[in-house]
Protein backbone atom coordinates (compact mmCIF):
# COMPACT_ATOMS: atom_id res chain seq x y z
CA MET A 1 -75.07 -62.29 -93.33
CA LYS A 2 -74.63 -65.88 -93.83
CA GLU A 3 -77.35 -67.37 -96.00
CA GLU A 4 -78.32 -70.93 -94.74
CA ASN A 5 -79.06 -73.88 -97.17
CA GLY A 6 -78.09 -72.00 -100.39
CA LYS A 7 -79.05 -68.77 -102.03
CA LEU A 8 -82.63 -67.72 -101.11
CA LYS A 9 -85.21 -67.29 -103.93
CA ILE A 10 -87.66 -64.68 -104.74
CA GLY A 11 -90.19 -64.36 -107.52
CA VAL A 12 -89.83 -61.55 -110.01
CA SER A 13 -92.00 -60.30 -112.82
CA ALA A 14 -90.12 -61.58 -115.89
CA CYS A 15 -90.10 -58.24 -117.58
CA LEU A 16 -88.04 -56.68 -114.70
CA LEU A 17 -85.24 -59.13 -115.54
CA GLY A 18 -84.98 -57.88 -119.10
CA GLN A 19 -87.15 -60.64 -120.83
CA LYS A 20 -89.06 -59.35 -123.77
CA VAL A 21 -92.39 -60.36 -122.63
CA ARG A 22 -94.36 -57.18 -122.59
CA TYR A 23 -97.39 -56.63 -124.76
CA ASP A 24 -95.26 -54.36 -127.23
CA GLY A 25 -92.51 -56.99 -127.30
CA GLY A 26 -90.20 -54.93 -124.97
CA HIS A 27 -89.06 -55.32 -121.41
CA GLN A 28 -88.73 -53.16 -118.30
CA LEU A 29 -85.22 -54.32 -117.04
CA ASN A 30 -84.64 -53.10 -113.51
CA HIS A 31 -80.70 -53.14 -112.98
CA PHE A 32 -81.19 -53.07 -109.16
CA ILE A 33 -83.10 -56.25 -109.24
CA ARG A 34 -81.22 -58.12 -111.81
CA ASP A 35 -77.69 -57.04 -111.18
CA ILE A 36 -77.48 -56.23 -107.48
CA LEU A 37 -80.19 -58.39 -105.79
CA GLY A 38 -79.33 -61.18 -108.25
CA GLN A 39 -75.91 -61.49 -106.63
CA HIS A 40 -77.56 -62.54 -103.29
CA MET A 41 -80.86 -64.03 -104.51
CA GLU A 42 -82.00 -66.56 -107.14
CA LEU A 43 -84.52 -64.65 -109.07
CA VAL A 44 -87.54 -66.71 -110.35
CA PRO A 45 -89.16 -65.04 -113.39
CA VAL A 46 -92.95 -65.28 -113.87
CA CYS A 47 -94.76 -63.71 -116.77
CA PRO A 48 -98.58 -64.38 -116.30
CA GLU A 49 -99.49 -63.30 -119.89
CA VAL A 50 -96.99 -65.37 -121.61
CA GLU A 51 -97.27 -68.33 -119.29
CA CYS A 52 -101.11 -68.59 -119.64
CA GLY A 53 -100.65 -68.79 -123.52
CA MET A 54 -100.68 -65.08 -124.78
CA PRO A 55 -98.23 -64.14 -127.69
CA VAL A 56 -95.61 -61.49 -127.85
CA PRO A 57 -96.39 -58.97 -128.97
CA ARG A 58 -100.21 -58.95 -128.11
CA GLU A 59 -103.04 -56.60 -127.65
CA ALA A 60 -102.84 -54.50 -124.43
CA MET A 61 -105.39 -55.39 -121.64
CA ARG A 62 -106.89 -53.56 -118.78
CA LEU A 63 -109.03 -54.35 -115.61
CA ILE A 64 -112.71 -53.61 -116.07
CA GLY A 65 -115.67 -53.61 -113.74
CA ASP A 66 -115.78 -53.96 -110.13
CA THR A 67 -112.65 -52.99 -108.21
CA ASP A 68 -112.59 -55.95 -106.03
CA ASN A 69 -113.48 -58.55 -108.79
CA PRO A 70 -112.58 -56.94 -112.17
CA ARG A 71 -112.45 -58.70 -115.52
CA LEU A 72 -109.29 -58.85 -117.74
CA ILE A 73 -110.34 -57.45 -121.14
CA THR A 74 -108.19 -56.62 -124.21
CA ARG A 75 -108.39 -52.71 -124.95
CA ARG A 76 -109.39 -52.63 -128.59
CA THR A 77 -111.32 -55.98 -129.41
CA GLY A 78 -112.80 -56.50 -125.93
CA ILE A 79 -111.74 -60.13 -125.62
CA ASP A 80 -112.21 -61.43 -122.02
CA HIS A 81 -109.23 -63.25 -120.67
CA THR A 82 -110.46 -63.31 -117.17
CA GLU A 83 -111.12 -67.14 -116.92
CA THR A 84 -107.92 -68.19 -118.64
CA MET A 85 -105.83 -65.93 -116.45
CA SER A 86 -107.63 -67.00 -113.26
CA THR A 87 -107.26 -70.67 -114.00
CA TRP A 88 -103.64 -70.31 -114.71
CA ALA A 89 -102.80 -68.27 -111.73
CA GLU A 90 -104.37 -70.69 -109.32
CA ALA A 91 -102.22 -73.40 -110.88
CA ARG A 92 -99.11 -71.54 -111.00
CA VAL A 93 -99.15 -70.39 -107.30
CA ARG A 94 -99.45 -74.14 -106.37
CA GLN A 95 -96.42 -74.74 -108.63
CA LEU A 96 -94.57 -72.04 -106.82
CA GLU A 97 -94.85 -73.65 -103.51
CA SER A 98 -92.10 -76.01 -104.44
CA GLU A 99 -89.69 -73.03 -105.18
CA GLY A 100 -89.48 -72.03 -101.56
CA LEU A 101 -89.96 -68.27 -102.29
CA CYS A 102 -89.09 -65.90 -99.72
CA GLY A 103 -90.74 -62.87 -101.51
CA PHE A 104 -92.04 -61.46 -104.80
CA ILE A 105 -91.37 -58.17 -106.75
CA PHE A 106 -94.30 -57.33 -109.02
CA LYS A 107 -94.53 -55.05 -112.06
CA LYS A 108 -96.07 -51.74 -111.09
CA GLY A 109 -99.36 -50.97 -113.04
CA SER A 110 -99.78 -54.37 -114.73
CA PRO A 111 -103.21 -55.61 -114.94
CA SER A 112 -101.93 -59.14 -114.17
CA SER A 113 -98.99 -58.33 -111.79
CA GLY A 114 -99.73 -54.83 -110.33
CA LEU A 115 -99.73 -54.97 -106.57
CA PHE A 116 -101.14 -51.65 -105.61
CA ARG A 117 -103.40 -48.99 -107.28
CA VAL A 118 -103.80 -50.66 -110.62
CA LYS A 119 -106.31 -48.81 -112.71
CA VAL A 120 -109.72 -50.24 -112.89
CA TYR A 121 -111.94 -49.04 -115.76
CA SER A 122 -115.75 -48.75 -116.16
CA GLN A 123 -117.42 -50.28 -119.22
CA ASP A 124 -117.20 -46.95 -120.95
CA GLY A 125 -113.38 -46.77 -120.54
CA VAL A 126 -113.21 -44.28 -117.66
CA PRO A 127 -110.82 -45.25 -114.81
CA HIS A 128 -113.03 -45.34 -111.58
CA GLY A 129 -110.90 -47.07 -109.02
CA ALA A 130 -107.65 -48.77 -108.04
CA GLY A 131 -107.33 -52.55 -107.76
CA VAL A 132 -104.81 -55.43 -107.86
CA GLY A 133 -103.57 -57.30 -110.74
CA MET A 134 -105.13 -60.77 -111.05
CA PHE A 135 -102.10 -62.92 -110.64
CA ALA A 136 -100.80 -60.56 -107.85
CA ARG A 137 -104.19 -61.03 -106.05
CA THR A 138 -104.13 -64.65 -106.31
CA PHE A 139 -100.30 -64.80 -105.23
CA VAL A 140 -101.00 -62.81 -102.07
CA ARG A 141 -104.06 -64.66 -101.33
CA HIS A 142 -102.08 -67.96 -101.58
CA PHE A 143 -98.96 -66.70 -99.79
CA PRO A 144 -100.29 -64.24 -97.26
CA LEU A 145 -97.06 -64.14 -95.15
CA LEU A 146 -94.62 -63.52 -97.94
CA PRO A 147 -92.97 -60.18 -98.33
CA VAL A 148 -94.21 -58.57 -101.49
CA GLU A 149 -93.22 -55.33 -103.38
CA GLU A 150 -93.70 -53.56 -106.59
CA ASP A 151 -90.60 -52.33 -108.66
CA GLY A 152 -91.61 -48.69 -108.49
CA ARG A 153 -91.81 -48.63 -104.76
CA LEU A 154 -88.22 -50.04 -104.57
CA ASN A 155 -87.05 -46.59 -105.49
CA ASP A 156 -88.14 -45.45 -102.06
CA ASP A 157 -85.05 -46.18 -99.97
CA ARG A 158 -87.26 -46.97 -96.75
CA LEU A 159 -89.52 -49.39 -98.55
CA ARG A 160 -86.62 -50.98 -100.40
CA GLU A 161 -84.64 -51.60 -97.17
CA ASN A 162 -87.84 -52.90 -95.43
CA PHE A 163 -88.78 -55.25 -98.19
CA ILE A 164 -85.27 -56.79 -98.45
CA GLU A 165 -84.88 -56.93 -94.64
CA SER A 166 -88.29 -58.89 -94.40
CA VAL A 167 -87.13 -61.19 -97.27
CA PHE A 168 -84.00 -62.29 -95.13
CA VAL A 169 -85.96 -62.53 -91.94
CA HIS A 170 -88.51 -64.76 -93.70
CA ARG A 171 -85.68 -66.92 -94.82
CA HIS A 172 -84.45 -67.31 -91.30
CA PHE A 173 -87.77 -68.21 -90.06
CA ARG A 174 -88.42 -70.76 -92.78
CA ASP A 175 -85.15 -72.35 -92.03
CA LEU A 176 -86.01 -72.57 -88.47
CA VAL A 177 -89.47 -74.29 -89.30
CA ALA A 178 -87.74 -76.64 -91.88
CA GLY A 179 -85.18 -77.70 -89.20
CA SER A 180 -88.12 -79.42 -87.03
CA SER A 181 -86.90 -77.18 -84.20
CA GLY A 182 -88.38 -77.21 -80.76
CA ARG A 183 -89.68 -74.60 -78.23
CA GLY A 184 -86.25 -73.40 -77.28
CA ALA A 185 -85.23 -72.71 -80.94
CA LEU A 186 -88.22 -70.47 -81.28
CA VAL A 187 -87.63 -68.52 -78.23
CA ASP A 188 -83.94 -68.18 -79.40
CA PHE A 189 -85.05 -66.96 -82.72
CA HIS A 190 -87.28 -64.47 -81.00
CA ALA A 191 -84.42 -63.05 -78.79
CA ARG A 192 -81.92 -62.89 -81.65
CA HIS A 193 -84.53 -60.58 -83.60
CA LYS A 194 -85.37 -58.48 -80.69
CA LEU A 195 -83.77 -55.28 -81.73
CA LEU A 196 -84.92 -55.69 -85.42
CA LEU A 197 -88.53 -56.27 -84.34
CA LEU A 198 -88.48 -53.36 -81.93
CA ALA A 199 -87.41 -51.15 -84.74
CA HIS A 200 -90.59 -51.87 -86.40
CA SER A 201 -93.18 -51.79 -83.52
CA GLN A 202 -92.83 -51.88 -79.83
CA GLU A 203 -96.46 -52.78 -79.57
CA HIS A 204 -96.20 -55.66 -81.87
CA TYR A 205 -92.97 -56.83 -80.21
CA ARG A 206 -94.72 -56.93 -76.86
CA ARG A 207 -97.60 -59.07 -78.31
CA MET A 208 -94.98 -61.49 -79.78
CA GLY A 209 -93.28 -61.55 -76.26
CA ARG A 210 -96.40 -62.45 -74.52
CA PHE A 211 -97.06 -65.16 -77.07
CA VAL A 212 -93.43 -66.66 -76.69
CA ALA A 213 -93.76 -66.60 -72.95
CA ASP A 214 -96.96 -68.81 -73.12
CA LEU A 215 -96.54 -70.88 -76.33
CA PRO A 216 -99.52 -73.13 -77.40
CA ALA A 217 -99.13 -76.80 -76.43
CA ASP A 218 -99.17 -77.77 -80.17
CA LEU A 219 -95.77 -76.88 -81.41
CA GLN A 220 -96.82 -76.73 -85.04
CA GLU A 221 -99.67 -74.26 -84.04
CA ALA A 222 -97.21 -72.09 -82.12
CA TYR A 223 -94.86 -71.82 -85.07
CA ARG A 224 -97.88 -71.15 -87.36
CA GLU A 225 -99.08 -68.32 -85.08
CA TYR A 226 -95.60 -66.84 -84.46
CA GLY A 227 -95.06 -66.63 -88.32
CA VAL A 228 -98.27 -64.66 -88.60
CA LEU A 229 -97.19 -62.23 -85.97
CA LEU A 230 -93.63 -61.87 -87.40
CA ALA A 231 -95.11 -61.02 -90.93
CA GLU A 232 -97.49 -58.44 -89.28
CA THR A 233 -94.72 -56.81 -87.47
CA LEU A 234 -92.26 -56.62 -90.40
CA ARG A 235 -95.03 -54.84 -92.47
CA VAL A 236 -94.90 -51.88 -90.02
CA LEU A 237 -92.31 -49.57 -91.41
CA THR A 238 -89.39 -48.43 -89.31
CA THR A 239 -88.68 -44.73 -88.75
CA PRO A 240 -85.58 -42.85 -87.77
CA LYS A 241 -87.39 -42.15 -84.27
CA LYS A 242 -87.81 -45.94 -83.87
CA HIS A 243 -84.11 -46.61 -84.90
CA CYS A 244 -82.98 -44.01 -82.40
CA ASN A 245 -84.84 -45.71 -79.61
CA VAL A 246 -83.38 -49.03 -80.54
CA LEU A 247 -79.76 -47.66 -80.85
CA GLN A 248 -80.24 -46.04 -77.27
CA HIS A 249 -81.59 -49.25 -75.98
CA ALA A 250 -78.59 -51.16 -77.46
CA LEU A 251 -76.25 -48.51 -75.81
CA GLY A 252 -77.50 -49.65 -72.49
CA TYR A 253 -75.62 -53.02 -72.81
CA PHE A 254 -72.38 -51.16 -72.52
CA LYS A 255 -72.91 -49.60 -69.06
CA LYS A 256 -69.83 -51.13 -67.74
CA ASP A 257 -67.72 -51.03 -70.85
CA LEU A 258 -67.68 -47.65 -72.49
CA SER A 259 -65.60 -44.80 -71.52
CA ALA A 260 -67.42 -41.48 -70.97
CA ASP A 261 -65.95 -40.18 -74.29
CA GLU A 262 -66.95 -43.24 -76.12
CA LYS A 263 -70.60 -43.10 -74.74
CA GLN A 264 -70.69 -39.40 -75.71
CA GLU A 265 -69.45 -40.21 -79.21
CA MET A 266 -72.22 -42.83 -79.65
CA LEU A 267 -74.83 -40.34 -78.38
CA GLU A 268 -73.77 -37.69 -80.77
CA VAL A 269 -73.79 -40.00 -83.80
CA ILE A 270 -77.40 -41.06 -82.79
CA ASP A 271 -78.34 -37.40 -82.60
CA ALA A 272 -76.76 -36.69 -86.10
CA TYR A 273 -78.82 -39.54 -87.47
CA ARG A 274 -82.03 -38.19 -85.92
CA ASN A 275 -81.36 -34.81 -87.42
CA GLY A 276 -80.84 -36.35 -90.81
CA ASP A 277 -77.26 -35.43 -90.88
CA VAL A 278 -75.96 -39.00 -91.37
CA PRO A 279 -77.49 -42.24 -92.63
CA LEU A 280 -78.37 -45.21 -90.38
CA ILE A 281 -75.21 -47.07 -91.39
CA VAL A 282 -73.09 -44.66 -89.45
CA PRO A 283 -74.42 -45.22 -85.93
CA ILE A 284 -74.81 -48.94 -86.82
CA THR A 285 -71.09 -49.13 -87.75
CA LEU A 286 -70.09 -47.36 -84.72
CA LEU A 287 -72.26 -49.76 -82.47
CA ASN A 288 -70.68 -52.80 -84.31
CA HIS A 289 -67.25 -51.53 -83.52
CA PHE A 290 -68.10 -51.38 -79.76
CA VAL A 291 -69.66 -54.77 -79.95
CA ARG A 292 -66.37 -56.13 -81.39
CA LYS A 293 -64.21 -54.09 -79.07
CA TYR A 294 -65.98 -55.31 -75.83
CA ASN A 295 -67.22 -58.69 -77.13
CA GLN A 296 -70.72 -57.80 -76.07
CA PRO A 297 -72.36 -61.40 -76.15
CA TYR A 298 -75.97 -60.43 -76.39
CA LEU A 299 -75.55 -57.77 -79.19
CA ARG A 300 -73.24 -60.04 -81.13
CA GLN A 301 -76.24 -62.21 -81.76
CA GLN A 302 -78.65 -59.49 -82.77
CA TYR A 303 -79.71 -59.66 -86.46
CA TYR A 304 -80.48 -55.94 -86.29
CA LEU A 305 -76.90 -55.32 -86.70
CA HIS A 306 -76.45 -57.40 -89.87
CA PRO A 307 -79.94 -57.84 -91.41
CA HIS A 308 -78.83 -58.09 -95.09
CA PRO A 309 -75.52 -58.26 -97.01
CA LEU A 310 -73.51 -55.04 -96.41
CA ASP A 311 -72.66 -54.38 -100.16
CA LEU A 312 -76.44 -53.75 -100.81
CA ARG A 313 -75.65 -50.50 -98.94
CA LEU A 314 -79.38 -50.31 -98.01
CA ARG A 315 -78.72 -48.38 -94.74
CA SER A 316 -76.67 -45.91 -96.48
CA TYR A 317 -79.58 -44.07 -97.62
CA ILE A 318 -82.09 -44.22 -94.83
């Protein structure tokens, strides 16, 4: 897929890029992020602890207290770094506004950067809940519409594909907004993403369709509200069943083109995908072949068929 206006940017916990910034002086290099995603995206490293002034190496920390509003305390000496981290995080997210990020990958389990199920301890050192790292919480609150994920969850093929697809769609929408486009451009954007949105949620797509059919008079408000709906829809995970429904829907655009054998071939490949015998890339490849062969104008414009660079091979595993 063509990337408009240069390479898109995502934020990444610095240790995942091989930077030796962890409390023990080590790193947690993730080769997929650095070596594969890095070919298509500009990776913006962020290390909350080092950037707010802590040394390397340093005493390990953990979250203590209320799950929704914990304190950041060193494990051995009990030094409270909550205010330091909080003040830095608020300033850092404002700085990141100028980066034009399209997403962020956080470090799993980190008391500053963990996004899901970060251990929160009681005063006597017993884990009693699961929270969010201090910087991650501030980031998500400041950028509620950005796609975010953890490094550990990227090992799940479906979560990985969903996150990266969302990053590219966010880039499409951000470029649309930056282009000072009118109502027609928003309608066109929605039409080109129809199949992709349907693969996430038919219910959300219908809501978006009703919204686009009756856009607010204030164009800026229309784009803002559509962006919220778009982010909500992309957070609903795709499933093989949803993909099969979309593939069959797409097949309907070839009613006057495909021979009986070609139609049967496509249906058999869809069934093979439904049964788990082949990955999604197989029916998608065949569908793209028919799009080119018959020059199907509507499907040629659908981002669903080319949501991210092919060499990422994301649909070869789902």
